């Protein structure tokens, strides 16, 4: 199409595509939008993993995997610890790495 003028409707269609993409992100927080944009560059299996996580957070899980009651209890303990700000220190992490020869 070198030198040829584009029809007026072509520019309108391009603008509509841009608007639709913007509308899709306008209801998101900036952090969520940034996260989704980052995930788009990952391999398909990692994108699917991220999608499953998001759907699970939204209560629309498509996964057939079910956590055991013990796993759920462990997660509740871990979340409570994180909520209280209880994280491993740098020294604790270094000790674990050293223990496993890493």
PDB file of N, CA and C in Angstrom:
ATOM      1  N   UNK A   1       0.822  -1.187   0.000  1.00  0.00           N
ATOM      2  CA  UNK A   1       0.000   0.000   0.000  1.00  0.00           C
ATOM      3  C   UNK A   1       0.869   1.255   0.000  1.00  0.00           C
ATOM      4  N   UNK A   2       2.058   1.157  -0.510  1.00  0.00           N
ATOM      5  CA  UNK A   2       2.943   2.317  -0.478  1.00  0.00           C
ATOM      6  C   UNK A   2       2.383   3.418  -1.355  1.00  0.00           C
ATOM      7  N   UNK A   3       2.285   4.617  -0.798  1.00  0.00           N
ATOM      8  CA  UNK A   3       1.776   5.770  -1.520  1.00  0.00           C
ATOM      9  C   UNK A   3       0.264   5.844  -1.584  1.00  0.00           C
ATOM     10  N   UNK A   4      -0.420   4.731  -1.388  1.00  0.00           N
ATOM     11  CA  UNK A   4      -1.881   4.734  -1.457  1.00  0.00           C
ATOM     12  C   UNK A   4      -2.451   5.261  -0.146  1.00  0.00           C
ATOM     13  N   UNK A   5      -3.556   5.967  -0.270  1.00  0.00           N
ATOM     14  CA  UNK A   5      -4.218   6.491   0.930  1.00  0.00           C
ATOM     15  C   UNK A   5      -5.099   5.417   1.519  1.00  0.00           C
ATOM     16  N   UNK A   6      -5.111   5.386   2.828  1.00  0.00           N
ATOM     17  CA  UNK A   6      -5.987   4.438   3.513  1.00  0.00           C
ATOM     18  C   UNK A   6      -7.393   5.005   3.550  1.00  0.00           C
ATOM     19  N   UNK A   7      -8.383   4.138   3.421  1.00  0.00           N
ATOM     20  CA  UNK A   7      -9.761   4.623   3.534  1.00  0.00           C
ATOM     21  C   UNK A   7     -10.018   5.174   4.932  1.00  0.00           C
ATOM     22  N   UNK A   8     -10.950   6.092   5.040  1.00  0.00           N
ATOM     23  CA  UNK A   8     -11.263   6.704   6.329  1.00  0.00           C
ATOM     24  C   UNK A   8     -11.671   5.665   7.366  1.00  0.00           C
ATOM     25  N   UNK A   9     -12.384   4.645   6.957  1.00  0.00           N
ATOM     26  CA  UNK A   9     -12.845   3.644   7.904  1.00  0.00           C
ATOM     27  C   UNK A   9     -11.696   2.848   8.497  1.00  0.00           C
ATOM     28  N   UNK A  10     -10.552   2.745   7.786  1.00  0.00           N
ATOM     29  CA  UNK A  10      -9.417   1.980   8.306  1.00  0.00           C
ATOM     30  C   UNK A  10      -8.858   2.642   9.561  1.00  0.00           C
ATOM     31  N   UNK A  11      -8.769   3.962   9.541  1.00  0.00           N
ATOM     32  CA  UNK A  11      -8.279   4.678  10.720  1.00  0.00           C
ATOM     33  C   UNK A  11      -9.272   4.527  11.874  1.00  0.00           C
ATOM     34  N   UNK A  12     -10.560   4.566  11.565  1.00  0.00           N
ATOM     35  CA  UNK A  12     -11.589   4.411  12.599  1.00  0.00           C
ATOM     36  C   UNK A  12     -11.516   3.017  13.220  1.00  0.00           C
ATOM     37  N   UNK A  13     -11.307   1.992  12.387  1.00  0.00           N
ATOM     38  CA  UNK A  13     -11.195   0.626  12.913  1.00  0.00           C
ATOM     39  C   UNK A  13      -9.979   0.480  13.817  1.00  0.00           C
ATOM     40  N   UNK A  14      -8.870   1.098  13.415  1.00  0.00           N
ATOM     41  CA  UNK A  14      -7.670   1.027  14.236  1.00  0.00           C
ATOM     42  C   UNK A  14      -7.917   1.720  15.580  1.00  0.00           C
ATOM     43  N   UNK A  15      -8.570   2.862  15.561  1.00  0.00           N
ATOM     44  CA  UNK A  15      -8.869   3.578  16.799  1.00  0.00           C
ATOM     45  C   UNK A  15      -9.792   2.751  17.697  1.00  0.00           C
ATOM     46  N   UNK A  16     -10.767   2.062  17.102  1.00  0.00           N
ATOM     47  CA  UNK A  16     -11.682   1.237  17.885  1.00  0.00           C
ATOM     48  C   UNK A  16     -10.925   0.098  18.564  1.00  0.00           C
ATOM     49  N   UNK A  17      -9.935  -0.494  17.873  1.00  0.00           N
ATOM     50  CA  UNK A  17      -9.137  -1.562  18.481  1.00  0.00           C
ATOM     51  C   UNK A  17      -8.359  -1.017  19.670  1.00  0.00           C
ATOM     52  N   UNK A  18      -7.797   0.171  19.527  1.00  0.00           N
ATOM     53  CA  UNK A  18      -7.045   0.789  20.623  1.00  0.00           C
ATOM     54  C   UNK A  18      -7.989   1.079  21.784  1.00  0.00           C
ATOM     55  N   UNK A  19      -9.170   1.618  21.512  1.00  0.00           N
ATOM     56  CA  UNK A  19     -10.137   1.916  22.566  1.00  0.00           C
ATOM     57  C   UNK A  19     -10.559   0.655  23.306  1.00  0.00           C
ATOM     58  N   UNK A  20     -10.817  -0.429  22.576  1.00  0.00           N
ATOM     59  CA  UNK A  20     -11.218  -1.683  23.214  1.00  0.00           C
ATOM     60  C   UNK A  20     -10.120  -2.195  24.142  1.00  0.00           C
ATOM     61  N   UNK A  21      -8.879  -2.086  23.684  1.00  0.00           N
ATOM     62  CA  UNK A  21      -7.776  -2.532  24.534  1.00  0.00           C
ATOM     63  C   UNK A  21      -7.694  -1.668  25.786  1.00  0.00           C
ATOM     64  N   UNK A  22      -7.870  -0.361  25.633  1.00  0.00           N
ATOM     65  CA  UNK A  22      -7.827   0.532  26.793  1.00  0.00           C
ATOM     66  C   UNK A  22      -8.976   0.229  27.742  1.00  0.00           C
ATOM     67  N   UNK A  23     -10.173   0.015  27.212  1.00  0.00           N
ATOM     68  CA  UNK A  23     -11.336  -0.275  28.059  1.00  0.00           C
ATOM     69  C   UNK A  23     -11.126  -1.539  28.875  1.00  0.00           C
ATOM     70  N   UNK A  24     -10.454  -2.508  28.295  1.00  0.00           N
ATOM     71  CA  UNK A  24     -10.210  -3.762  28.991  1.00  0.00           C
ATOM     72  C   UNK A  24      -9.367  -3.528  30.240  1.00  0.00           C
ATOM     73  N   UNK A  25      -8.456  -2.554  30.209  1.00  0.00           N
ATOM     74  CA  UNK A  25      -7.579  -2.294  31.327  1.00  0.00           C
ATOM     75  C   UNK A  25      -8.062  -1.169  32.239  1.00  0.00           C
ATOM     76  N   UNK A  26      -9.047  -0.396  31.831  1.00  0.00           N
ATOM     77  CA  UNK A  26      -9.412   0.790  32.597  1.00  0.00           C
ATOM     78  C   UNK A  26     -10.006   0.467  33.964  1.00  0.00           C
ATOM     79  N   UNK A  27     -10.591  -0.705  34.151  1.00  0.00           N
ATOM     80  CA  UNK A  27     -11.185  -1.052  35.439  1.00  0.00           C
ATOM     81  C   UNK A  27     -10.168  -1.712  36.373  1.00  0.00           C
ATOM     82  N   UNK A  28      -8.931  -1.887  35.915  1.00  0.00           N
ATOM     83  CA  UNK A  28      -7.899  -2.528  36.719  1.00  0.00           C
ATOM     84  C   UNK A  28      -7.072  -1.494  37.461  1.00  0.00           C
ATOM     85  N   UNK A  29      -6.480  -1.945  38.560  1.00  0.00           N
ATOM     86  CA  UNK A  29      -5.494  -1.085  39.207  1.00  0.00           C
ATOM     87  C   UNK A  29      -4.246  -1.077  38.334  1.00  0.00           C
ATOM     88  N   UNK A  30      -3.414  -0.087  38.540  1.00  0.00           N
ATOM     89  CA  UNK A  30      -2.174   0.010  37.759  1.00  0.00           C
ATOM     90  C   UNK A  30      -1.280  -1.207  38.010  1.00  0.00           C
ATOM     91  N   UNK A  31      -1.247  -1.682  39.263  1.00  0.00           N
ATOM     92  CA  UNK A  31      -0.399  -2.824  39.586  1.00  0.00           C
ATOM     93  C   UNK A  31      -0.884  -4.089  38.882  1.00  0.00           C
ATOM     94  N   UNK A  32      -2.194  -4.313  38.857  1.00  0.00           N
ATOM     95  CA  UNK A  32      -2.727  -5.481  38.162  1.00  0.00           C
ATOM     96  C   UNK A  32      -2.432  -5.386  36.676  1.00  0.00           C
ATOM     97  N   UNK A  33      -2.623  -4.209  36.104  1.00  0.00           N
ATOM     98  CA  UNK A  33      -2.339  -4.017  34.685  1.00  0.00           C
ATOM     99  C   UNK A  33      -0.867  -4.308  34.395  1.00  0.00           C
ATOM    100  N   UNK A  34       0.015  -3.823  35.238  1.00  0.00           N
ATOM    101  CA  UNK A  34       1.452  -4.050  35.049  1.00  0.00           C
ATOM    102  C   UNK A  34       1.767  -5.548  35.136  1.00  0.00           C
ATOM    103  N   UNK A  35       1.137  -6.229  36.087  1.00  0.00           N
ATOM    104  CA  UNK A  35       1.352  -7.667  36.232  1.00  0.00           C
ATOM    105  C   UNK A  35       0.878  -8.451  35.025  1.00  0.00           C
ATOM    106  N   UNK A  36      -0.285  -8.109  34.513  1.00  0.00           N
ATOM    107  CA  UNK A  36      -0.818  -8.813  33.342  1.00  0.00           C
ATOM    108  C   UNK A  36       0.058  -8.561  32.122  1.00  0.00           C
ATOM    109  N   UNK A  37       0.504  -7.338  31.956  1.00  0.00           N
ATOM    110  CA  UNK A  37       1.384  -7.039  30.827  1.00  0.00           C
ATOM    111  C   UNK A  37       2.688  -7.825  30.937  1.00  0.00           C
ATOM    112  N   UNK A  38       3.206  -7.992  32.151  1.00  0.00           N
ATOM    113  CA  UNK A  38       4.441  -8.756  32.343  1.00  0.00           C
ATOM    114  C   UNK A  38       4.221 -10.230  32.033  1.00  0.00           C
ATOM    115  N   UNK A  39       3.077 -10.761  32.434  1.00  0.00           N
ATOM    116  CA  UNK A  39       2.783 -12.179  32.220  1.00  0.00           C
ATOM    117  C   UNK A  39       2.604 -12.485  30.732  1.00  0.00           C
ATOM    118  N   UNK A  40       2.156 -11.521  29.964  1.00  0.00           N
ATOM    119  CA  UNK A  40       1.940 -11.747  28.528  1.00  0.00           C
ATOM    120  C   UNK A  40       3.222 -12.157  27.814  1.00  0.00           C
ATOM    121  N   UNK A  41       4.371 -11.786  28.365  1.00  0.00           N
ATOM    122  CA  UNK A  41       5.640 -12.140  27.738  1.00  0.00           C
ATOM    123  C   UNK A  41       6.186 -13.489  28.154  1.00  0.00           C
ATOM    124  N   UNK A  42       5.490 -14.181  29.051  1.00  0.00           N
ATOM    125  CA  UNK A  42       5.947 -15.485  29.529  1.00  0.00           C
ATOM    126  C   UNK A  42       5.514 -16.599  28.583  1.00  0.00           C
ATOM    127  N   UNK A  43       6.165 -17.773  28.693  1.00  0.00           N
ATOM    128  CA  UNK A  43       5.722 -18.928  27.900  1.00  0.00           C
ATOM    129  C   UNK A  43       4.283 -19.306  28.254  1.00  0.00           C
ATOM    130  N   UNK A  44       3.632 -20.016  27.359  1.00  0.00           N
ATOM    131  CA  UNK A  44       2.207 -20.350  27.500  1.00  0.00           C
ATOM    132  C   UNK A  44       1.897 -21.069  28.804  1.00  0.00           C
ATOM    133  N   UNK A  45       2.756 -22.012  29.218  1.00  0.00           N
ATOM    134  CA  UNK A  45       2.456 -22.754  30.445  1.00  0.00           C
ATOM    135  C   UNK A  45       2.490 -21.842  31.668  1.00  0.00           C
ATOM    136  N   UNK A  46       3.387 -20.854  31.675  1.00  0.00           N
ATOM    137  CA  UNK A  46       3.457 -19.909  32.790  1.00  0.00           C
ATOM    138  C   UNK A  46       2.261 -18.952  32.754  1.00  0.00           C
ATOM    139  N   UNK A  47       1.822 -18.570  31.553  1.00  0.00           N
ATOM    140  CA  UNK A  47       0.629 -17.729  31.432  1.00  0.00           C
ATOM    141  C   UNK A  47      -0.586 -18.469  31.976  1.00  0.00           C
ATOM    142  N   UNK A  48      -0.687 -19.757  31.655  1.00  0.00           N
ATOM    143  CA  UNK A  48      -1.809 -20.550  32.166  1.00  0.00           C
ATOM    144  C   UNK A  48      -1.778 -20.635  33.685  1.00  0.00           C
ATOM    145  N   UNK A  49      -0.578 -20.782  34.242  1.00  0.00           N
ATOM    146  CA  UNK A  49      -0.449 -20.836  35.696  1.00  0.00           C
ATOM    147  C   UNK A  49      -0.926 -19.521  36.312  1.00  0.00           C
ATOM    148  N   UNK A  50      -0.521 -18.407  35.721  1.00  0.00           N
ATOM    149  CA  UNK A  50      -0.951 -17.102  36.224  1.00  0.00           C
ATOM    150  C   UNK A  50      -2.468 -16.945  36.093  1.00  0.00           C
ATOM    151  N   UNK A  51      -3.012 -17.408  34.982  1.00  0.00           N
ATOM    152  CA  UNK A  51      -4.460 -17.342  34.783  1.00  0.00           C
ATOM    153  C   UNK A  51      -5.211 -18.146  35.829  1.00  0.00           C
ATOM    154  N   UNK A  52      -4.709 -19.347  36.135  1.00  0.00           N
ATOM    155  CA  UNK A  52      -5.350 -20.172  37.170  1.00  0.00           C
ATOM    156  C   UNK A  52      -5.306 -19.478  38.525  1.00  0.00           C
ATOM    157  N   UNK A  53      -4.174 -18.844  38.838  1.00  0.00           N
ATOM    158  CA  UNK A  53      -4.057 -18.129  40.110  1.00  0.00           C
ATOM    159  C   UNK A  53      -5.064 -16.991  40.191  1.00  0.00           C
ATOM    160  N   UNK A  54      -5.177 -16.218  39.118  1.00  0.00           N
ATOM    161  CA  UNK A  54      -6.121 -15.098  39.109  1.00  0.00           C
ATOM    162  C   UNK A  54      -7.562 -15.585  39.220  1.00  0.00           C
ATOM    163  N   UNK A  55      -7.885 -16.629  38.477  1.00  0.00           N
ATOM    164  CA  UNK A  55      -9.246 -17.167  38.552  1.00  0.00           C
ATOM    165  C   UNK A  55      -9.544 -17.711  39.941  1.00  0.00           C
ATOM    166  N   UNK A  56      -8.559 -18.327  40.554  1.00  0.00           N
ATOM    167  CA  UNK A  56      -8.739 -18.826  41.914  1.00  0.00           C
ATOM    168  C   UNK A  56      -8.994 -17.689  42.891  1.00  0.00           C
ATOM    169  N   UNK A  57      -8.240 -16.591  42.749  1.00  0.00           N
ATOM    170  CA  UNK A  57      -8.456 -15.428  43.610  1.00  0.00           C
ATOM    171  C   UNK A  57      -9.849 -14.848  43.418  1.00  0.00           C
ATOM    172  N   UNK A  58     -10.337 -14.915  42.190  1.00  0.00           N
ATOM    173  CA  UNK A  58     -11.662 -14.375  41.888  1.00  0.00           C
ATOM    174  C   UNK A  58     -12.778 -15.361  42.237  1.00  0.00           C
ATOM    175  N   UNK A  59     -12.405 -16.549  42.679  1.00  0.00           N
ATOM    176  CA  UNK A  59     -13.408 -17.547  43.022  1.00  0.00           C
ATOM    177  C   UNK A  59     -13.967 -18.277  41.819  1.00  0.00           C
ATOM    178  N   UNK A  60     -13.220 -18.250  40.714  1.00  0.00           N
ATOM    179  CA  UNK A  60     -13.665 -18.902  39.481  1.00  0.00           C
ATOM    180  C   UNK A  60     -12.604 -19.925  39.082  1.00  0.00           C
ATOM    181  N   UNK A  61     -12.277 -20.797  39.981  1.00  0.00           N
ATOM    182  CA  UNK A  61     -11.196 -21.745  39.741  1.00  0.00           C
ATOM    183  C   UNK A  61     -11.600 -22.759  38.692  1.00  0.00           C
ATOM    184  N   UNK A  62     -10.689 -23.001  37.758  1.00  0.00           N
ATOM    185  CA  UNK A  62     -10.918 -24.026  36.741  1.00  0.00           C
ATOM    186  C   UNK A  62     -10.056 -25.253  37.012  1.00  0.00           C
ATOM    187  N   UNK A  63      -9.286 -25.198  38.062  1.00  0.00           N
ATOM    188  CA  UNK A  63      -8.378 -26.288  38.383  1.00  0.00           C
ATOM    189  C   UNK A  63      -9.144 -27.460  38.968  1.00  0.00           C
ATOM    190  N   UNK A  64      -8.705 -28.649  38.635  1.00  0.00           N
ATOM    191  CA  UNK A  64      -9.313 -29.850  39.201  1.00  0.00           C
ATOM    192  C   UNK A  64      -8.555 -30.289  40.444  1.00  0.00           C
ATOM    193  N   UNK A  65      -7.432 -29.647  40.727  1.00  0.00           N
ATOM    194  CA  UNK A  65      -6.646 -30.001  41.907  1.00  0.00           C
ATOM    195  C   UNK A  65      -7.282 -29.417  43.151  1.00  0.00           C
ATOM    196  N   UNK A  66      -7.396 -30.235  44.177  1.00  0.00           N
ATOM    197  CA  UNK A  66      -7.967 -29.791  45.437  1.00  0.00           C
ATOM    198  C   UNK A  66      -6.912 -29.923  46.525  1.00  0.00           C
ATOM    199  N   UNK A  67      -6.753 -28.879  47.332  1.00  0.00           N
ATOM    200  CA  UNK A  67      -5.826 -28.941  48.449  1.00  0.00           C
ATOM    201  C   UNK A  67      -6.362 -29.884  49.510  1.00  0.00           C
ATOM    202  N   UNK A  68      -5.425 -30.546  50.191  1.00  0.00           N
ATOM    203  CA  UNK A  68      -5.830 -31.400  51.312  1.00  0.00           C
ATOM    204  C   UNK A  68      -6.132 -30.508  52.505  1.00  0.00           C
ATOM    205  N   UNK A  69      -6.863 -31.003  53.485  1.00  0.00           N
ATOM    206  CA  UNK A  69      -7.111 -30.207  54.693  1.00  0.00           C
ATOM    207  C   UNK A  69      -5.803 -29.765  55.371  1.00  0.00           C
ATOM    208  N   UNK A  70      -4.782 -30.623  55.339  1.00  0.00           N
ATOM    209  CA  UNK A  70      -3.489 -30.262  55.933  1.00  0.00           C
ATOM    210  C   UNK A  70      -2.848 -29.104  55.178  1.00  0.00           C
ATOM    211  N   UNK A  71      -2.915 -29.137  53.847  1.00  0.00           N
ATOM    212  CA  UNK A  71      -2.351 -28.051  53.039  1.00  0.00           C
ATOM    213  C   UNK A  71      -3.088 -26.739  53.301  1.00  0.00           C
ATOM    214  N   UNK A  72      -4.396 -26.810  53.431  1.00  0.00           N
ATOM    215  CA  UNK A  72      -5.188 -25.612  53.720  1.00  0.00           C
ATOM    216  C   UNK A  72      -4.801 -25.045  55.085  1.00  0.00           C
ATOM    217  N   UNK A  73      -4.628 -25.923  56.071  1.00  0.00           N
ATOM    218  CA  UNK A  73      -4.219 -25.476  57.409  1.00  0.00           C
ATOM    219  C   UNK A  73      -2.842 -24.814  57.356  1.00  0.00           C
ATOM    220  N   UNK A  74      -1.913 -25.420  56.609  1.00  0.00           N
ATOM    221  CA  UNK A  74      -0.567 -24.840  56.473  1.00  0.00           C
ATOM    222  C   UNK A  74      -0.627 -23.463  55.808  1.00  0.00           C
ATOM    223  N   UNK A  75      -1.473 -23.348  54.797  1.00  0.00           N
ATOM    224  CA  UNK A  75      -1.609 -22.054  54.119  1.00  0.00           C
ATOM    225  C   UNK A  75      -2.176 -20.990  55.055  1.00  0.00           C
ATOM    226  N   UNK A  76      -3.151 -21.371  55.855  1.00  0.00           N
ATOM    227  CA  UNK A  76      -3.736 -20.411  56.803  1.00  0.00           C
ATOM    228  C   UNK A  76      -2.692 -19.926  57.803  1.00  0.00           C
ATOM    229  N   UNK A  77      -1.849 -20.840  58.275  1.00  0.00           N
ATOM    230  CA  UNK A  77      -0.770 -20.458  59.195  1.00  0.00           C
ATOM    231  C   UNK A  77       0.191 -19.507  58.494  1.00  0.00           C
ATOM    232  N   UNK A  78       0.584 -19.832  57.271  1.00  0.00           N
ATOM    233  CA  UNK A  78       1.527 -18.994  56.523  1.00  0.00           C
ATOM    234  C   UNK A  78       0.955 -17.601  56.244  1.00  0.00           C
ATOM    235  N   UNK A  79      -0.310 -17.546  55.885  1.00  0.00           N
ATOM    236  CA  UNK A  79      -0.946 -16.248  55.613  1.00  0.00           C
ATOM    237  C   UNK A  79      -1.029 -15.419  56.882  1.00  0.00           C
ATOM    238  N   UNK A  80      -1.366 -16.061  57.994  1.00  0.00           N
ATOM    239  CA  UNK A  80      -1.426 -15.339  59.275  1.00  0.00           C
ATOM    240  C   UNK A  80      -0.053 -14.801  59.655  1.00  0.00           C
ATOM    241  N   UNK A  81       0.989 -15.601  59.432  1.00  0.00           N
ATOM    242  CA  UNK A  81       2.352 -15.136  59.721  1.00  0.00           C
ATOM    243  C   UNK A  81       2.711 -13.931  58.844  1.00  0.00           C
ATOM    244  N   UNK A  82       2.371 -14.009  57.577  1.00  0.00           N
ATOM    245  CA  UNK A  82       2.665 -12.895  56.667  1.00  0.00           C
ATOM    246  C   UNK A  82       1.885 -11.652  57.068  1.00  0.00           C
ATOM    247  N   UNK A  83       0.632 -11.830  57.456  1.00  0.00           N
ATOM    248  CA  UNK A  83      -0.182 -10.687  57.894  1.00  0.00           C
ATOM    249  C   UNK A  83       0.424 -10.005  59.118  1.00  0.00           C
ATOM    250  N   UNK A  84       1.080 -10.794  59.970  1.00  0.00           N
ATOM    251  CA  UNK A  84       1.720 -10.233  61.157  1.00  0.00           C
ATOM    252  C   UNK A  84       3.118  -9.704  60.860  1.00  0.00           C
ATOM    253  N   UNK A  85       3.569  -9.875  59.605  1.00  0.00           N
ATOM    254  CA  UNK A  85       4.906  -9.394  59.234  1.00  0.00           C
ATOM    255  C   UNK A  85       6.020 -10.327  59.659  1.00  0.00           C
ATOM    256  N   UNK A  86       5.687 -11.570  59.916  1.00  0.00           N
ATOM    257  CA  UNK A  86       6.680 -12.550  60.355  1.00  0.00           C
ATOM    258  C   UNK A  86       7.293 -13.237  59.129  1.00  0.00           C
ATOM    259  N   UNK A  87       8.465 -12.739  58.747  1.00  0.00           N
ATOM    260  CA  UNK A  87       9.165 -13.295  57.595  1.00  0.00           C
ATOM    261  C   UNK A  87      10.541 -13.782  58.029  1.00  0.00           C
ATOM    262  N   UNK A  88      11.104 -14.685  57.268  1.00  0.00           N
ATOM    263  CA  UNK A  88      12.448 -15.181  57.568  1.00  0.00           C
ATOM    264  C   UNK A  88      13.452 -14.047  57.380  1.00  0.00           C
ATOM    265  N   UNK A  89      14.446 -14.014  58.260  1.00  0.00           N
ATOM    266  CA  UNK A  89      15.495 -12.997  58.144  1.00  0.00           C
ATOM    267  C   UNK A  89      16.471 -13.412  57.042  1.00  0.00           C
ATOM    268  N   UNK A  90      17.312 -12.480  56.625  1.00  0.00           N
ATOM    269  CA  UNK A  90      18.330 -12.799  55.624  1.00  0.00           C
ATOM    270  C   UNK A  90      19.246 -13.913  56.134  1.00  0.00           C
ATOM    271  N   UNK A  91      19.547 -13.885  57.433  1.00  0.00           N
ATOM    272  CA  UNK A  91      20.412 -14.913  58.018  1.00  0.00           C
ATOM    273  C   UNK A  91      19.748 -16.286  57.953  1.00  0.00           C
ATOM    274  N   UNK A  92      18.441 -16.322  58.239  1.00  0.00           N
ATOM    275  CA  UNK A  92      17.710 -17.590  58.158  1.00  0.00           C
ATOM    276  C   UNK A  92      17.758 -18.158  56.746  1.00  0.00           C
ATOM    277  N   UNK A  93      17.568 -17.296  55.772  1.00  0.00           N
ATOM    278  CA  UNK A  93      17.579 -17.736  54.369  1.00  0.00           C
ATOM    279  C   UNK A  93      18.957 -18.250  53.991  1.00  0.00           C
ATOM    280  N   UNK A  94      20.001 -17.517  54.376  1.00  0.00           N
ATOM    281  CA  UNK A  94      21.372 -17.949  54.073  1.00  0.00           C
ATOM    282  C   UNK A  94      21.664 -19.309  54.700  1.00  0.00           C
ATOM    283  N   UNK A  95      21.169 -19.535  55.916  1.00  0.00           N
ATOM    284  CA  UNK A  95      21.388 -20.824  56.591  1.00  0.00           C
ATOM    285  C   UNK A  95      20.722 -21.967  55.825  1.00  0.00           C
ATOM    286  N   UNK A  96      19.534 -21.725  55.313  1.00  0.00           N
ATOM    287  CA  UNK A  96      18.835 -22.763  54.538  1.00  0.00           C
ATOM    288  C   UNK A  96      19.601 -23.058  53.267  1.00  0.00           C
ATOM    289  N   UNK A  97      20.033 -22.014  52.567  1.00  0.00           N
ATOM    290  CA  UNK A  97      20.808 -22.210  51.333  1.00  0.00           C
ATOM    291  C   UNK A  97      22.070 -23.024  51.631  1.00  0.00           C
ATOM    292  N   UNK A  98      22.738 -22.651  52.697  1.00  0.00           N
ATOM    293  CA  UNK A  98      23.978 -23.347  53.072  1.00  0.00           C
ATOM    294  C   UNK A  98      23.709 -24.806  53.424  1.00  0.00           C
ATOM    295  N   UNK A  99      22.619 -25.044  54.143  1.00  0.00           N
ATOM    296  CA  UNK A  99      22.251 -26.404  54.542  1.00  0.00           C
ATOM    297  C   UNK A  99      22.095 -27.330  53.343  1.00  0.00           C
ATOM    298  N   UNK A 100      21.564 -26.782  52.252  1.00  0.00           N
ATOM    299  CA  UNK A 100      21.339 -27.581  51.053  1.00  0.00           C
ATOM    300  C   UNK A 100      22.434 -27.415  50.008  1.00  0.00           C
ATOM    301  N   UNK A 101      23.538 -26.800  50.420  1.00  0.00           N
ATOM    302  CA  UNK A 101      24.685 -26.655  49.531  1.00  0.00           C
ATOM    303  C   UNK A 101      24.472 -25.714  48.368  1.00  0.00           C
ATOM    304  N   UNK A 102      23.640 -24.732  48.564  1.00  0.00           N
ATOM    305  CA  UNK A 102      23.364 -23.784  47.475  1.00  0.00           C
ATOM    306  C   UNK A 102      23.964 -22.414  47.776  1.00  0.00           C
TER     307      UNK A 102
END
